[in-house]
Each structure stands twice: as C-alpha cells, then as structure tokens.
C-alpha cells in the first residue's frame, strides 16, 4: 500500500513538472506574437531613440527584459486609428513577468546603444525567441 501511495505521489509530481514547462513556452510564444503585432503600428519617425539590449548574456536576461519594459513605456502609436490596438498590445508587454530572474547585471539600460522603435521591438522579439 505504501508503495502505491509513493508511486501515485511521484506520478503526480512528474505530471505537474511536465505541464509547467509547456505553459511557460506558450506564454513566451504569445509574447513574441504580441511584439510582432506591435511592430507595424508603432511610430518610427521623429521619436525618441530607445536603449536596446542586443545579445545579452544568459545571466543578464532579467536586466535586458526590464530595459525593454522601460522602453515600451516610451513607444507611441503610428496614428490615431491604431491607438486602441496599440494600448492593448503595450499593456500586455508592460505586465509581462520574466519567470527566471537570475542575477542582476552590473550594466544598466543606459549602457546599451540607442535604436529606433522598430529595431527596438525586433531586438525584443529576438530576446524572447532566445528564451523560448
């Protein structure tokens, strides 16, 4: 009887571990899709250049994601027709939480090169794709 209980507990724990990983991957894929939806509707001319992390080291991913989230706040919609879509999309990106905080890097967001909003979003998508 004890062996059966232990087996059931082990089976339950393994099944929970297997379902957690796909959920995270689905979450990151949805985030990647959201970034791609934002690219064509973001204003790219006469806007503030944004600090864009490029190819961060694995232990610096949390810092890079934080920099991208700060940059999202500075984005503007391309025109008034896309304003509602823009607001919904940026809200998703601002509320995103990175599940593997790791270490905070010594470099700050300001240490990264500034790029235009479309390049900024492409780099963000590239980072999320790396995490997937």
N, C-alpha and C. Protein backbone atom coordinates (compact mmCIF):
# COMPACT_ATOMS: atom_id res chain seq x y z
N UNK A 1 0.82 -1.20 0.00
CA UNK A 1 0.00 0.00 0.00
C UNK A 1 0.86 1.26 0.00
N UNK A 2 1.91 1.24 0.82
CA UNK A 2 2.79 2.40 0.88
C UNK A 2 3.46 2.66 -0.46
N UNK A 3 3.86 1.58 -1.12
CA UNK A 3 4.49 1.73 -2.44
C UNK A 3 3.52 2.37 -3.44
N UNK A 4 2.28 2.00 -3.36
CA UNK A 4 1.29 2.56 -4.27
C UNK A 4 1.11 4.05 -4.02
N UNK A 5 1.09 4.46 -2.77
CA UNK A 5 0.96 5.89 -2.43
C UNK A 5 2.19 6.66 -2.92
N UNK A 6 3.36 6.11 -2.70
CA UNK A 6 4.59 6.76 -3.15
C UNK A 6 4.59 6.87 -4.68
N UNK A 7 4.18 5.80 -5.36
CA UNK A 7 4.12 5.82 -6.81
C UNK A 7 3.15 6.90 -7.30
N UNK A 8 1.99 6.99 -6.67
CA UNK A 8 1.00 7.99 -7.06
C UNK A 8 1.53 9.41 -6.84
N UNK A 9 2.20 9.62 -5.72
CA UNK A 9 2.78 10.94 -5.44
C UNK A 9 3.86 11.28 -6.47
N UNK A 10 4.70 10.33 -6.79
CA UNK A 10 5.75 10.54 -7.78
C UNK A 10 5.15 10.84 -9.15
N UNK A 11 4.14 10.09 -9.53
CA UNK A 11 3.46 10.32 -10.81
C UNK A 11 2.85 11.71 -10.86
N UNK A 12 2.19 12.12 -9.77
CA UNK A 12 1.57 13.44 -9.70
C UNK A 12 2.61 14.54 -9.83
N UNK A 13 3.72 14.42 -9.11
CA UNK A 13 4.78 15.44 -9.17
C UNK A 13 5.38 15.53 -10.56
N UNK A 14 5.62 14.42 -11.20
CA UNK A 14 6.19 14.42 -12.55
C UNK A 14 5.22 15.04 -13.55
N UNK A 15 3.95 14.73 -13.42
CA UNK A 15 2.99 15.29 -14.37
C UNK A 15 2.85 16.80 -14.18
N UNK A 16 2.96 17.28 -12.97
CA UNK A 16 2.91 18.72 -12.72
C UNK A 16 4.12 19.41 -13.32
N UNK A 17 5.28 18.83 -13.20
CA UNK A 17 6.50 19.41 -13.76
C UNK A 17 6.43 19.47 -15.28
N UNK A 18 5.85 18.46 -15.89
CA UNK A 18 5.75 18.43 -17.35
C UNK A 18 4.74 19.44 -17.87
N UNK A 19 3.69 19.74 -17.11
CA UNK A 19 2.70 20.71 -17.58
C UNK A 19 3.16 22.14 -17.35
N UNK A 20 4.07 22.38 -16.43
CA UNK A 20 4.54 23.74 -16.16
C UNK A 20 5.42 24.26 -17.29
N UNK A 21 6.28 23.44 -17.83
CA UNK A 21 7.19 23.88 -18.89
C UNK A 21 6.44 24.29 -20.16
N UNK A 22 5.48 23.50 -20.67
CA UNK A 22 4.77 23.93 -21.88
C UNK A 22 3.99 25.23 -21.67
N UNK A 23 3.44 25.45 -20.49
CA UNK A 23 2.71 26.69 -20.23
C UNK A 23 3.63 27.89 -20.40
N UNK A 24 4.85 27.79 -19.88
CA UNK A 24 5.81 28.89 -20.00
C UNK A 24 6.17 29.13 -21.46
N UNK A 25 6.36 28.06 -22.21
CA UNK A 25 6.69 28.21 -23.63
C UNK A 25 5.54 28.86 -24.39
N UNK A 26 4.32 28.46 -24.09
CA UNK A 26 3.15 29.07 -24.73
C UNK A 26 3.07 30.55 -24.38
N UNK A 27 3.35 30.88 -23.14
CA UNK A 27 3.33 32.28 -22.70
C UNK A 27 4.35 33.11 -23.47
N UNK A 28 5.56 32.59 -23.65
CA UNK A 28 6.59 33.31 -24.39
C UNK A 28 6.26 33.41 -25.87
N UNK A 29 5.64 32.38 -26.43
CA UNK A 29 5.24 32.43 -27.84
C UNK A 29 4.16 33.49 -28.06
N UNK A 30 3.23 33.59 -27.10
CA UNK A 30 2.20 34.63 -27.20
C UNK A 30 2.83 36.02 -27.09
N UNK A 31 3.81 36.14 -26.22
CA UNK A 31 4.51 37.41 -26.07
C UNK A 31 5.24 37.77 -27.36
N UNK A 32 5.90 36.80 -27.98
CA UNK A 32 6.59 37.00 -29.24
C UNK A 32 5.60 37.48 -30.31
N UNK A 33 4.44 36.85 -30.36
CA UNK A 33 3.40 37.24 -31.32
C UNK A 33 2.90 38.66 -31.05
N UNK A 34 2.76 39.02 -29.80
CA UNK A 34 2.32 40.36 -29.42
C UNK A 34 3.33 41.42 -29.87
N UNK A 35 4.61 41.13 -29.70
CA UNK A 35 5.65 42.06 -30.14
C UNK A 35 5.57 42.24 -31.65
N UNK A 36 5.38 41.16 -32.38
CA UNK A 36 5.28 41.21 -33.84
C UNK A 36 4.05 42.02 -34.27
N UNK A 37 2.96 41.96 -33.51
CA UNK A 37 1.76 42.73 -33.82
C UNK A 37 1.99 44.22 -33.59
N UNK A 38 2.86 44.54 -32.66
CA UNK A 38 3.12 45.94 -32.33
C UNK A 38 4.04 46.62 -33.36
N UNK A 39 4.92 45.88 -33.97
CA UNK A 39 5.90 46.46 -34.90
C UNK A 39 5.30 47.34 -35.98
N UNK A 40 4.26 46.90 -36.70
CA UNK A 40 3.75 47.76 -37.78
C UNK A 40 2.94 48.97 -37.31
N UNK A 41 2.51 49.00 -36.06
CA UNK A 41 1.66 50.11 -35.61
C UNK A 41 2.38 51.10 -34.71
N UNK A 42 3.69 50.93 -34.54
CA UNK A 42 4.44 51.85 -33.69
C UNK A 42 5.00 52.99 -34.54
N UNK A 43 5.00 54.16 -33.98
CA UNK A 43 5.54 55.34 -34.66
C UNK A 43 7.06 55.21 -34.72
N UNK A 44 7.62 55.44 -35.91
CA UNK A 44 9.04 55.22 -36.11
C UNK A 44 9.79 56.48 -36.53
N UNK A 45 9.08 57.52 -36.88
CA UNK A 45 9.71 58.76 -37.33
C UNK A 45 9.54 59.85 -36.26
N UNK A 46 10.57 60.65 -36.10
CA UNK A 46 10.54 61.76 -35.14
C UNK A 46 10.18 61.32 -33.73
N UNK A 47 10.80 60.25 -33.27
CA UNK A 47 10.55 59.74 -31.92
C UNK A 47 11.87 59.60 -31.18
N UNK A 48 11.75 59.41 -29.88
CA UNK A 48 12.92 59.21 -29.03
C UNK A 48 13.55 57.85 -29.33
N UNK A 49 14.86 57.85 -29.44
CA UNK A 49 15.59 56.61 -29.63
C UNK A 49 15.61 55.87 -28.29
N UNK A 50 15.60 54.54 -28.34
CA UNK A 50 15.48 53.73 -27.13
C UNK A 50 16.71 52.86 -26.91
N UNK A 51 17.10 52.72 -25.64
CA UNK A 51 18.21 51.85 -25.29
C UNK A 51 17.80 50.41 -25.60
N UNK A 52 18.58 49.74 -26.43
CA UNK A 52 18.22 48.44 -26.94
C UNK A 52 19.26 47.38 -26.60
N UNK A 53 18.96 46.50 -25.64
CA UNK A 53 19.89 45.41 -25.33
C UNK A 53 20.01 44.46 -26.53
N UNK A 54 21.23 44.16 -26.91
CA UNK A 54 21.49 43.23 -28.01
C UNK A 54 22.32 42.07 -27.49
N UNK A 55 21.87 40.86 -27.75
CA UNK A 55 22.59 39.65 -27.38
C UNK A 55 23.05 39.63 -25.92
N UNK A 56 22.13 39.79 -24.97
CA UNK A 56 22.56 39.74 -23.57
C UNK A 56 23.02 38.34 -23.17
N UNK A 57 23.92 38.29 -22.24
CA UNK A 57 24.39 37.02 -21.70
C UNK A 57 23.24 36.39 -20.93
N UNK A 58 23.20 35.06 -20.86
CA UNK A 58 22.09 34.35 -20.21
C UNK A 58 21.80 34.86 -18.80
N UNK A 59 22.85 35.17 -18.04
CA UNK A 59 22.61 35.62 -16.67
C UNK A 59 22.07 37.05 -16.62
N UNK A 60 22.09 37.75 -17.74
CA UNK A 60 21.61 39.14 -17.79
C UNK A 60 20.23 39.28 -18.44
N UNK A 61 19.55 38.19 -18.68
CA UNK A 61 18.26 38.26 -19.36
C UNK A 61 17.23 39.08 -18.59
N UNK A 62 17.21 38.95 -17.28
CA UNK A 62 16.24 39.70 -16.48
C UNK A 62 16.46 41.21 -16.65
N UNK A 63 17.72 41.63 -16.61
CA UNK A 63 18.05 43.05 -16.79
C UNK A 63 17.63 43.52 -18.18
N UNK A 64 17.88 42.70 -19.20
CA UNK A 64 17.51 43.06 -20.57
C UNK A 64 15.99 43.20 -20.71
N UNK A 65 15.24 42.26 -20.15
CA UNK A 65 13.77 42.33 -20.22
C UNK A 65 13.28 43.58 -19.50
N UNK A 66 13.87 43.92 -18.37
CA UNK A 66 13.49 45.13 -17.64
C UNK A 66 13.74 46.38 -18.50
N UNK A 67 14.85 46.41 -19.21
CA UNK A 67 15.15 47.54 -20.10
C UNK A 67 14.11 47.65 -21.21
N UNK A 68 13.72 46.51 -21.76
CA UNK A 68 12.71 46.53 -22.81
C UNK A 68 11.37 47.02 -22.26
N UNK A 69 11.03 46.61 -21.07
CA UNK A 69 9.76 47.06 -20.49
C UNK A 69 9.77 48.56 -20.23
N UNK A 70 10.91 49.09 -19.84
CA UNK A 70 11.00 50.55 -19.66
C UNK A 70 10.87 51.26 -20.99
N UNK A 71 11.44 50.67 -22.04
CA UNK A 71 11.35 51.25 -23.38
C UNK A 71 9.94 51.22 -23.94
N UNK A 72 9.19 50.19 -23.61
CA UNK A 72 7.79 50.06 -24.07
C UNK A 72 6.99 51.29 -23.65
N UNK A 73 7.28 51.82 -22.46
CA UNK A 73 6.55 52.99 -21.95
C UNK A 73 6.75 54.22 -22.82
N UNK A 74 7.84 54.26 -23.59
CA UNK A 74 8.17 55.43 -24.41
C UNK A 74 7.67 55.31 -25.85
N UNK A 75 7.12 54.16 -26.21
CA UNK A 75 6.62 53.97 -27.57
C UNK A 75 5.34 54.78 -27.80
N UNK A 76 5.11 55.13 -29.06
CA UNK A 76 3.92 55.88 -29.44
C UNK A 76 3.25 55.20 -30.62
N UNK A 77 1.91 55.30 -30.73
CA UNK A 77 1.22 54.70 -31.88
C UNK A 77 1.52 55.49 -33.16
N UNK A 78 1.49 54.80 -34.29
CA UNK A 78 1.78 55.44 -35.57
C UNK A 78 0.73 56.48 -35.93
N UNK A 79 -0.54 56.22 -35.61
CA UNK A 79 -1.61 57.18 -35.87
C UNK A 79 -2.79 56.89 -34.95
N UNK A 80 -3.80 57.74 -35.01
CA UNK A 80 -4.93 57.60 -34.09
C UNK A 80 -5.81 56.39 -34.39
N UNK A 81 -5.78 55.87 -35.63
CA UNK A 81 -6.60 54.71 -35.96
C UNK A 81 -6.13 53.45 -35.24
N UNK A 82 -4.86 53.35 -34.93
CA UNK A 82 -4.33 52.15 -34.28
C UNK A 82 -4.15 52.34 -32.78
N UNK A 83 -4.65 53.43 -32.24
CA UNK A 83 -4.43 53.77 -30.84
C UNK A 83 -4.95 52.70 -29.87
N UNK A 84 -6.16 52.18 -30.09
CA UNK A 84 -6.70 51.19 -29.15
C UNK A 84 -5.92 49.87 -29.22
N UNK A 85 -5.58 49.44 -30.42
CA UNK A 85 -4.77 48.22 -30.58
C UNK A 85 -3.41 48.41 -29.94
N UNK A 86 -2.83 49.57 -30.16
CA UNK A 86 -1.53 49.90 -29.59
C UNK A 86 -1.57 49.82 -28.06
N UNK A 87 -2.59 50.43 -27.46
CA UNK A 87 -2.72 50.45 -26.00
C UNK A 87 -2.89 49.04 -25.43
N UNK A 88 -3.70 48.21 -26.06
CA UNK A 88 -3.90 46.84 -25.58
C UNK A 88 -2.61 46.03 -25.68
N UNK A 89 -1.90 46.20 -26.78
CA UNK A 89 -0.68 45.44 -27.01
C UNK A 89 0.42 45.85 -26.04
N UNK A 90 0.59 47.15 -25.85
CA UNK A 90 1.63 47.60 -24.93
C UNK A 90 1.30 47.23 -23.49
N UNK A 91 0.02 47.16 -23.16
CA UNK A 91 -0.37 46.76 -21.80
C UNK A 91 0.09 45.32 -21.52
N UNK A 92 -0.07 44.45 -22.50
CA UNK A 92 0.37 43.05 -22.36
C UNK A 92 1.89 43.01 -22.14
N UNK A 93 2.62 43.79 -22.90
CA UNK A 93 4.08 43.79 -22.79
C UNK A 93 4.57 44.41 -21.49
N UNK A 94 3.88 45.42 -20.99
CA UNK A 94 4.29 46.06 -19.74
C UNK A 94 4.05 45.14 -18.54
N UNK A 95 3.00 44.32 -18.62
CA UNK A 95 2.64 43.45 -17.50
C UNK A 95 3.33 42.10 -17.53
N UNK A 96 4.13 41.86 -18.54
CA UNK A 96 4.85 40.60 -18.68
C UNK A 96 5.86 40.45 -17.54
N UNK A 97 5.91 39.27 -16.95
CA UNK A 97 6.91 38.99 -15.92
C UNK A 97 7.80 37.87 -16.39
N UNK A 98 9.07 38.06 -16.25
CA UNK A 98 10.05 37.07 -16.66
C UNK A 98 10.22 36.09 -15.53
N UNK A 99 10.03 34.79 -15.80
CA UNK A 99 9.98 33.80 -14.73
C UNK A 99 11.34 33.36 -14.21
N UNK A 100 12.42 33.76 -14.85
CA UNK A 100 13.75 33.36 -14.39
C UNK A 100 14.58 34.61 -14.09
N UNK A 101 14.42 35.21 -12.91
CA UNK A 101 15.11 36.45 -12.64
C UNK A 101 16.63 36.35 -12.67
N UNK A 102 17.19 35.25 -12.22
CA UNK A 102 18.64 35.10 -12.24
C UNK A 102 19.33 36.24 -11.50
N UNK A 103 20.50 36.62 -11.97
CA UNK A 103 21.25 37.71 -11.36
C UNK A 103 20.96 39.01 -12.08
N UNK A 104 21.09 40.11 -11.34
CA UNK A 104 21.02 41.42 -11.97
C UNK A 104 22.42 41.75 -12.45
N UNK A 105 22.52 42.23 -13.67
CA UNK A 105 23.83 42.56 -14.22
C UNK A 105 24.27 43.94 -13.75
N UNK A 106 25.56 44.15 -13.82
CA UNK A 106 26.09 45.44 -13.42
C UNK A 106 25.76 46.53 -14.44
N UNK A 107 25.57 46.13 -15.70
CA UNK A 107 25.26 47.13 -16.73
C UNK A 107 23.84 47.64 -16.56
N UNK A 108 23.63 48.90 -16.87
CA UNK A 108 22.30 49.49 -16.77
C UNK A 108 21.73 49.63 -18.18
N UNK A 109 20.47 49.99 -18.24
CA UNK A 109 19.83 50.17 -19.54
C UNK A 109 20.54 51.24 -20.37
N UNK A 110 21.02 52.24 -19.71
CA UNK A 110 21.67 53.35 -20.40
C UNK A 110 22.98 52.94 -21.07
N UNK A 111 23.53 51.80 -20.70
CA UNK A 111 24.78 51.36 -21.29
C UNK A 111 24.58 50.75 -22.68
N UNK A 112 23.32 50.46 -23.04
CA UNK A 112 23.05 49.87 -24.34
C UNK A 112 22.88 50.96 -25.40
N UNK A 113 23.17 50.59 -26.63
CA UNK A 113 23.06 51.51 -27.77
C UNK A 113 21.60 51.90 -27.98
N UNK A 114 21.39 53.14 -28.42
CA UNK A 114 20.03 53.61 -28.70
C UNK A 114 19.68 53.29 -30.15
N UNK A 115 18.43 52.81 -30.33
CA UNK A 115 17.95 52.48 -31.67
C UNK A 115 16.51 52.97 -31.83
N UNK A 116 16.04 52.97 -33.07
CA UNK A 116 14.67 53.42 -33.32
C UNK A 116 13.68 52.37 -32.82
N UNK A 117 12.41 52.72 -32.64
CA UNK A 117 11.43 51.81 -32.06
C UNK A 117 11.26 50.47 -32.79
N UNK A 118 11.31 50.47 -34.11
CA UNK A 118 11.14 49.19 -34.84
C UNK A 118 12.31 48.26 -34.59
N UNK A 119 13.52 48.78 -34.57
CA UNK A 119 14.70 47.96 -34.27
C UNK A 119 14.66 47.50 -32.81
N UNK A 120 14.17 48.37 -31.94
CA UNK A 120 14.00 48.05 -30.53
C UNK A 120 13.08 46.84 -30.38
N UNK A 121 11.94 46.85 -31.07
CA UNK A 121 10.98 45.75 -30.99
C UNK A 121 11.54 44.47 -31.62
N UNK A 122 12.29 44.59 -32.70
CA UNK A 122 12.91 43.41 -33.31
C UNK A 122 13.90 42.77 -32.35
N UNK A 123 14.65 43.58 -31.62
CA UNK A 123 15.60 43.04 -30.64
C UNK A 123 14.87 42.38 -29.48
N UNK A 124 13.75 42.97 -29.07
CA UNK A 124 12.93 42.39 -28.00
C UNK A 124 12.39 41.03 -28.46
N UNK A 125 11.89 40.95 -29.68
CA UNK A 125 11.39 39.69 -30.21
C UNK A 125 12.51 38.65 -30.28
N UNK A 126 13.67 39.08 -30.67
CA UNK A 126 14.83 38.19 -30.75
C UNK A 126 15.18 37.63 -29.37
N UNK A 127 15.11 38.48 -28.34
CA UNK A 127 15.40 38.05 -26.98
C UNK A 127 14.37 37.02 -26.51
N UNK A 128 13.08 37.29 -26.76
CA UNK A 128 12.03 36.36 -26.35
C UNK A 128 12.17 35.04 -27.10
N UNK A 129 12.53 35.10 -28.36
CA UNK A 129 12.75 33.89 -29.14
C UNK A 129 13.92 33.08 -28.56
N UNK A 130 14.91 33.76 -28.05
CA UNK A 130 16.05 33.09 -27.43
C UNK A 130 15.60 32.37 -26.15
N UNK A 131 14.70 32.99 -25.40
CA UNK A 131 14.21 32.41 -24.15
C UNK A 131 13.36 31.17 -24.42
N UNK A 132 12.61 31.20 -25.53
CA UNK A 132 11.75 30.06 -25.88
C UNK A 132 12.64 28.86 -26.13
